[in-house]
Amino acid sequence: MAEREAGSRVVAVVLAVAVLVVVLIVALDDPAAPTSAPTSAGVVAEGGTTTAETTSPTSDPVLPRRPDGFGEVLPTPPELVDRRRTAPDVLPPPASGEYEASIAPISAELLPRTTWRPGCPVPPERLRYLRMSFWGFDDRPHTGEMIVHEDVAEPVVGVFRTLFAARFPIEAMRLAKPEDLTALPTGRGNGTAAFACRAATGQTRFSAHASGLAIDVNPFQNPLERRDGLVVPELASAYTDRSWRRPGMIVEGDVVTEAFAAIGWTWGATFSAPKDTMHFSRTGT
């Protein structure tokens, strides 16, 4: 009897291990599995926001941490020196193939997907949910989503209409999620985004992103540079060479800077420090 009971326990353990292995294999192979978030423990320097990562978590190891919480700045991997990726669609591409956009209030169903929380400088009623077409690095139209302050919703839609018409490539346009604010740094983030309710780095005041009054465009191609050598995203140092112009980069006088200037927004590359090339804001901060 004891031998039969022992044998039954062995069989049960073997079956449990087999089930666990199958679950792990499915999770690793699932293309819809949640992706990791970029940057540094959910905190990006000064004007920067925290955006949804656009690559598989299995290929995004966490970077060693600096004392300030950011990841160590490491050489750009060869495959990212001229980054031309398009994230998988989470919304249907525009049916017309042309620029399409919509503006809507923040619904009760949408709010939990955002970084809004009590104490943020703007109530949800003052924010607007945008869906806008953008041109991908795959030379195809896609649909993205963004949250901005109600006062700037129409102008922002106009800016991205201009970028779409010029076929300026964008890798991804997704909402910053609550878990992004505490994500460990991978240095690979490249989501174009606006609203993120958080304080400016190293300060107690909220950033312009916390009011939906700032937008970061292609952060990897347009990294933030700080005087102490920090680059955000931390693997994007190859893009600190602005003399080598690659797709998705923002340069003075191009369609991106001109479109934002036309609505009275300030470009972060004009800041004395840090140089925040990805960043545009209505507040000038």
Protein backbone atom coordinates (compact mmCIF):
# COMPACT_ATOMS: atom_id res chain seq x y z
CA MET A 1 0.00 0.00 0.00
CA ALA A 2 2.79 2.42 0.96
CA GLU A 3 4.57 1.73 -2.33
CA ARG A 4 1.39 2.48 -4.30
CA GLU A 5 0.86 5.75 -2.42
CA ALA A 6 4.48 6.79 -3.03
CA GLY A 7 4.13 5.97 -6.70
CA SER A 8 0.95 8.07 -6.91
CA ARG A 9 2.74 11.03 -5.34
CA VAL A 10 5.59 10.75 -7.85
CA VAL A 11 3.13 10.70 -10.76
CA ALA A 12 1.32 13.75 -9.37
CA VAL A 13 4.58 15.70 -9.07
CA VAL A 14 5.62 14.77 -12.61
CA LEU A 15 2.24 15.89 -14.00
CA ALA A 16 2.42 19.21 -12.11
CA VAL A 17 5.90 19.93 -13.48
CA ALA A 18 4.75 19.09 -17.01
CA VAL A 19 1.81 21.50 -16.73
CA LEU A 20 4.11 24.27 -15.43
CA VAL A 21 6.51 23.78 -18.35
CA VAL A 22 3.65 24.02 -20.86
CA VAL A 23 2.37 27.24 -19.24
CA LEU A 24 5.84 28.81 -19.36
CA ILE A 25 6.32 27.89 -23.01
CA VAL A 26 2.96 29.41 -23.97
CA ALA A 27 3.68 32.59 -22.04
CA LEU A 28 7.06 33.05 -23.70
CA ASP A 29 5.66 32.42 -27.16
CA ASP A 30 2.57 34.62 -26.75
CA PRO A 31 3.03 37.74 -28.94
CA ALA A 32 0.24 39.47 -27.05
CA ALA A 33 1.93 39.09 -23.69
CA PRO A 34 2.47 42.40 -21.84
CA THR A 35 5.66 44.14 -22.86
CA SER A 36 8.10 45.72 -20.49
CA ALA A 37 8.26 49.42 -19.91
CA PRO A 38 11.21 51.61 -20.82
CA THR A 39 13.54 53.93 -19.07
CA SER A 40 14.35 54.24 -15.43
CA ALA A 41 12.09 52.91 -12.72
CA GLY A 42 9.29 54.84 -14.34
CA VAL A 43 11.06 58.17 -13.93
CA VAL A 44 12.43 60.05 -16.91
CA ALA A 45 14.52 63.17 -16.65
CA GLU A 46 12.91 66.60 -16.59
CA GLY A 47 10.53 66.87 -19.54
CA GLY A 48 10.51 63.19 -20.45
CA THR A 49 7.53 60.92 -19.98
CA THR A 50 7.23 57.22 -19.35
CA THR A 51 5.99 55.32 -22.36
CA ALA A 52 5.02 51.80 -23.26
CA GLU A 53 7.88 49.58 -24.39
CA THR A 54 7.64 48.29 -27.93
CA THR A 55 9.70 45.11 -27.89
CA SER A 56 9.43 41.68 -26.32
CA PRO A 57 10.31 41.39 -22.62
CA THR A 58 12.40 38.31 -23.42
CA SER A 59 14.78 40.51 -25.42
CA ASP A 60 14.86 43.44 -22.97
CA PRO A 61 17.15 42.72 -20.02
CA VAL A 62 17.01 45.18 -17.14
CA LEU A 63 19.98 47.53 -17.01
CA PRO A 64 22.29 47.91 -14.02
CA ARG A 65 21.02 50.80 -11.89
CA ARG A 66 22.69 54.13 -11.21
CA PRO A 67 22.36 55.63 -7.72
CA ASP A 68 19.73 58.05 -9.09
CA GLY A 69 17.49 55.17 -10.25
CA PHE A 70 18.22 55.43 -13.94
CA GLY A 71 19.90 52.61 -15.82
CA GLU A 72 23.58 52.68 -16.64
CA VAL A 73 24.24 54.31 -20.02
CA LEU A 74 25.59 51.53 -22.23
CA PRO A 75 26.64 51.47 -25.89
CA THR A 76 23.75 51.27 -28.32
CA PRO A 77 23.28 47.68 -29.57
CA PRO A 78 24.22 47.43 -33.28
CA GLU A 79 20.65 46.57 -34.28
CA LEU A 80 19.41 49.82 -32.71
CA VAL A 81 22.01 52.23 -34.10
CA ASP A 82 19.65 52.93 -37.01
CA ARG A 83 16.36 51.91 -35.40
CA ARG A 84 13.49 51.45 -37.83
CA ARG A 85 10.87 49.41 -36.01
CA THR A 86 7.09 49.58 -36.02
CA ALA A 87 5.26 48.24 -32.98
CA PRO A 88 2.45 45.71 -33.46
CA ASP A 89 -0.94 47.32 -33.97
CA VAL A 90 -3.16 47.55 -30.90
CA LEU A 91 -5.85 49.46 -32.81
CA PRO A 92 -7.04 48.93 -36.41
CA PRO A 93 -5.18 51.01 -39.00
CA PRO A 94 -7.23 53.81 -40.61
CA ALA A 95 -9.70 52.17 -42.98
CA SER A 96 -9.31 54.97 -45.51
CA GLY A 97 -5.54 54.82 -45.49
CA GLU A 98 -5.66 58.55 -44.85
CA TYR A 99 -5.28 60.59 -41.67
CA GLU A 100 -8.11 59.99 -39.23
CA ALA A 101 -8.53 61.37 -35.72
CA SER A 102 -11.07 61.48 -32.92
CA ILE A 103 -11.34 63.34 -29.61
CA ALA A 104 -13.32 61.99 -26.67
CA PRO A 105 -13.67 62.51 -22.91
CA ILE A 106 -11.90 60.09 -20.56
CA SER A 107 -14.40 57.35 -19.84
CA ALA A 108 -14.69 55.38 -16.59
CA GLU A 109 -13.47 52.31 -18.47
CA LEU A 110 -10.41 54.11 -19.84
CA LEU A 111 -9.28 55.84 -16.63
CA PRO A 112 -7.73 52.73 -14.98
CA ARG A 113 -5.48 52.30 -18.04
CA THR A 114 -3.93 55.70 -17.40
CA THR A 115 -1.53 57.08 -14.78
CA TRP A 116 -4.16 59.44 -13.38
CA ARG A 117 -4.69 59.29 -9.62
CA PRO A 118 -6.17 61.59 -6.97
CA GLY A 119 -3.84 64.53 -6.45
CA CYS A 120 -2.85 64.89 -10.11
CA PRO A 121 -2.85 68.55 -11.19
CA VAL A 122 -5.74 68.13 -13.62
CA PRO A 123 -9.03 66.24 -13.12
CA PRO A 124 -9.99 63.54 -15.63
CA GLU A 125 -12.80 65.78 -16.88
CA ARG A 126 -10.18 68.18 -18.27
CA LEU A 127 -8.33 65.49 -20.22
CA ARG A 128 -9.15 64.16 -23.67
CA TYR A 129 -8.52 60.79 -25.29
CA LEU A 130 -7.19 61.05 -28.83
CA ARG A 131 -7.00 58.43 -31.52
CA MET A 132 -4.80 59.56 -34.41
CA SER A 133 -3.26 58.06 -37.50
CA PHE A 134 0.52 57.98 -37.72
CA TRP A 135 3.01 56.81 -40.32
CA GLY A 136 5.13 53.83 -39.30
CA PHE A 137 8.71 52.92 -40.10
CA ASP A 138 7.18 50.14 -42.22
CA ASP A 139 5.85 52.85 -44.58
CA ARG A 140 2.26 52.08 -43.62
CA PRO A 141 -0.46 54.00 -41.74
CA HIS A 142 -1.31 52.99 -38.17
CA THR A 143 -3.61 54.18 -35.40
CA GLY A 144 -2.30 55.40 -32.07
CA GLU A 145 -3.80 56.75 -28.86
CA MET A 146 -2.82 59.65 -26.65
CA ILE A 147 -4.19 61.64 -23.70
CA VAL A 148 -3.80 65.43 -23.59
CA HIS A 149 -5.38 68.41 -21.86
CA GLU A 150 -8.70 69.46 -23.38
CA ASP A 151 -7.30 72.90 -24.24
CA VAL A 152 -4.71 71.44 -26.61
CA ALA A 153 -6.62 68.51 -28.12
CA GLU A 154 -7.51 70.17 -31.42
CA PRO A 155 -4.05 71.70 -32.00
CA VAL A 156 -2.34 68.38 -31.22
CA VAL A 157 -4.58 66.58 -33.72
CA GLY A 158 -3.48 69.19 -36.25
CA VAL A 159 0.21 68.63 -35.48
CA PHE A 160 -0.03 64.90 -36.09
CA ARG A 161 -2.06 65.51 -39.26
CA THR A 162 0.94 67.47 -40.51
CA LEU A 163 3.39 64.72 -39.50
CA PHE A 164 1.23 62.09 -41.18
CA ALA A 165 1.07 64.09 -44.40
CA ALA A 166 4.87 64.38 -44.35
CA ARG A 167 5.18 60.63 -43.60
CA PHE A 168 7.34 61.34 -40.59
CA PRO A 169 7.84 57.86 -39.09
CA ILE A 170 6.74 57.01 -35.55
CA GLU A 171 7.40 53.64 -33.91
CA ALA A 172 4.47 53.55 -31.49
CA MET A 173 1.82 55.84 -30.03
CA ARG A 174 0.45 54.37 -26.80
CA LEU A 175 -0.80 55.44 -23.40
CA ALA A 176 1.51 55.46 -20.39
CA LYS A 177 0.19 52.82 -17.98
CA PRO A 178 0.29 52.85 -14.16
CA GLU A 179 2.92 50.09 -14.09
CA ASP A 180 5.19 52.14 -16.35
CA LEU A 181 5.82 54.58 -13.50
CA THR A 182 7.63 51.92 -11.47
CA ALA A 183 9.12 49.86 -14.30
CA LEU A 184 12.77 48.82 -14.16
CA PRO A 185 15.03 50.42 -16.78
CA THR A 186 15.65 48.61 -20.08
CA GLY A 187 16.86 51.65 -22.04
CA ARG A 188 14.82 50.70 -25.10
CA GLY A 189 11.58 52.67 -24.74
CA ASN A 190 10.31 54.39 -27.86
CA GLY A 191 6.64 55.19 -27.44
CA THR A 192 5.33 58.60 -28.47
CA ALA A 193 3.11 59.76 -25.59
CA ALA A 194 1.79 62.74 -23.65
CA PHE A 195 -0.04 62.42 -20.31
CA ALA A 196 1.86 60.85 -17.41
CA CYS A 197 0.98 61.95 -13.89
CA ARG A 198 4.33 62.25 -12.14
CA ALA A 199 6.69 64.83 -10.74
CA ALA A 200 9.57 66.21 -12.75
CA THR A 201 12.73 64.27 -11.99
CA GLY A 202 14.51 65.37 -8.84
CA GLN A 203 11.78 67.87 -8.04
CA THR A 204 8.52 68.00 -6.15
CA ARG A 205 6.59 69.90 -8.80
CA PHE A 206 4.60 68.03 -11.42
CA SER A 207 5.94 67.88 -14.95
CA ALA A 208 4.01 69.34 -17.88
CA HIS A 209 3.15 65.76 -18.82
CA ALA A 210 1.09 65.48 -15.63
CA SER A 211 -1.32 68.07 -17.06
CA GLY A 212 -1.35 66.63 -20.58
CA LEU A 213 0.55 69.66 -21.87
CA ALA A 214 3.70 67.95 -23.16
CA ILE A 215 4.44 65.27 -25.75
CA ASP A 216 7.54 63.14 -26.35
CA VAL A 217 8.13 61.98 -29.93
CA ASN A 218 10.25 58.91 -30.75
CA PRO A 219 12.31 59.05 -27.52
CA PHE A 220 14.93 56.58 -28.74
CA GLN A 221 15.77 58.54 -31.88
CA ASN A 222 15.59 61.77 -29.89
CA PRO A 223 17.10 61.08 -26.47
CA LEU A 224 17.48 63.36 -23.51
CA GLU A 225 21.06 64.31 -22.63
CA ARG A 226 22.11 65.53 -19.22
CA ARG A 227 25.38 67.23 -18.29
CA ASP A 228 26.36 64.38 -15.97
CA GLY A 229 26.44 61.99 -18.94
CA LEU A 230 22.98 60.50 -18.50
CA VAL A 231 21.20 59.62 -21.73
CA VAL A 232 17.52 58.62 -21.70
CA PRO A 233 16.68 56.09 -23.03
CA GLU A 234 19.92 54.70 -21.70
CA LEU A 235 20.78 52.62 -24.78
CA ALA A 236 20.20 55.49 -27.21
CA SER A 237 23.63 57.13 -27.03
CA ALA A 238 24.18 56.48 -30.76
CA TYR A 239 21.51 59.10 -31.36
CA THR A 240 23.36 61.80 -29.47
CA ASP A 241 25.27 62.26 -32.75
CA ARG A 242 22.77 64.59 -34.38
CA SER A 243 24.96 65.13 -37.44
CA TRP A 244 24.04 61.65 -38.75
CA ARG A 245 20.39 62.14 -39.61
CA ARG A 246 18.34 58.94 -39.48
CA PRO A 247 14.58 58.37 -39.92
CA GLY A 248 12.53 59.40 -36.91
CA MET A 249 15.02 62.00 -35.70
CA ILE A 250 13.90 65.55 -34.98
CA VAL A 251 16.13 68.39 -36.17
CA GLU A 252 15.80 72.14 -36.11
CA GLY A 253 13.57 73.47 -38.88
CA ASP A 254 12.07 70.10 -39.81
CA VAL A 255 8.37 69.25 -40.09
CA VAL A 256 8.11 68.28 -36.41
CA THR A 257 9.64 71.40 -34.91
CA GLU A 258 7.75 73.63 -37.35
CA ALA A 259 4.40 71.93 -36.64
CA PHE A 260 4.77 72.32 -32.87
CA ALA A 261 6.10 75.88 -33.21
CA ALA A 262 2.98 76.73 -35.22
CA ILE A 263 0.80 75.98 -32.17
CA GLY A 264 3.12 77.84 -29.79
CA TRP A 265 4.87 74.88 -28.17
CA THR A 266 8.50 74.86 -27.01
CA TRP A 267 11.03 72.25 -28.14
CA GLY A 268 13.10 70.65 -25.38
CA ALA A 269 16.27 70.74 -27.48
CA THR A 270 16.33 74.49 -26.86
CA PHE A 271 16.60 73.98 -23.09
CA SER A 272 19.97 74.95 -21.65
CA ALA A 273 20.00 71.76 -19.59
CA PRO A 274 19.07 69.03 -20.01
CA LYS A 275 18.85 68.84 -23.79
CA ASP A 276 15.52 67.08 -24.27
CA THR A 277 15.19 66.47 -28.00
CA MET A 278 12.10 64.24 -27.78
CA HIS A 279 10.10 66.79 -25.79
CA PHE A 280 7.58 69.47 -26.81
CA SER A 281 5.46 71.41 -24.34
CA ARG A 282 2.92 74.17 -24.17
CA THR A 283 4.32 75.37 -20.86
CA GLY A 284 7.93 75.72 -21.99
CA THR A 285 9.08 73.21 -19.37
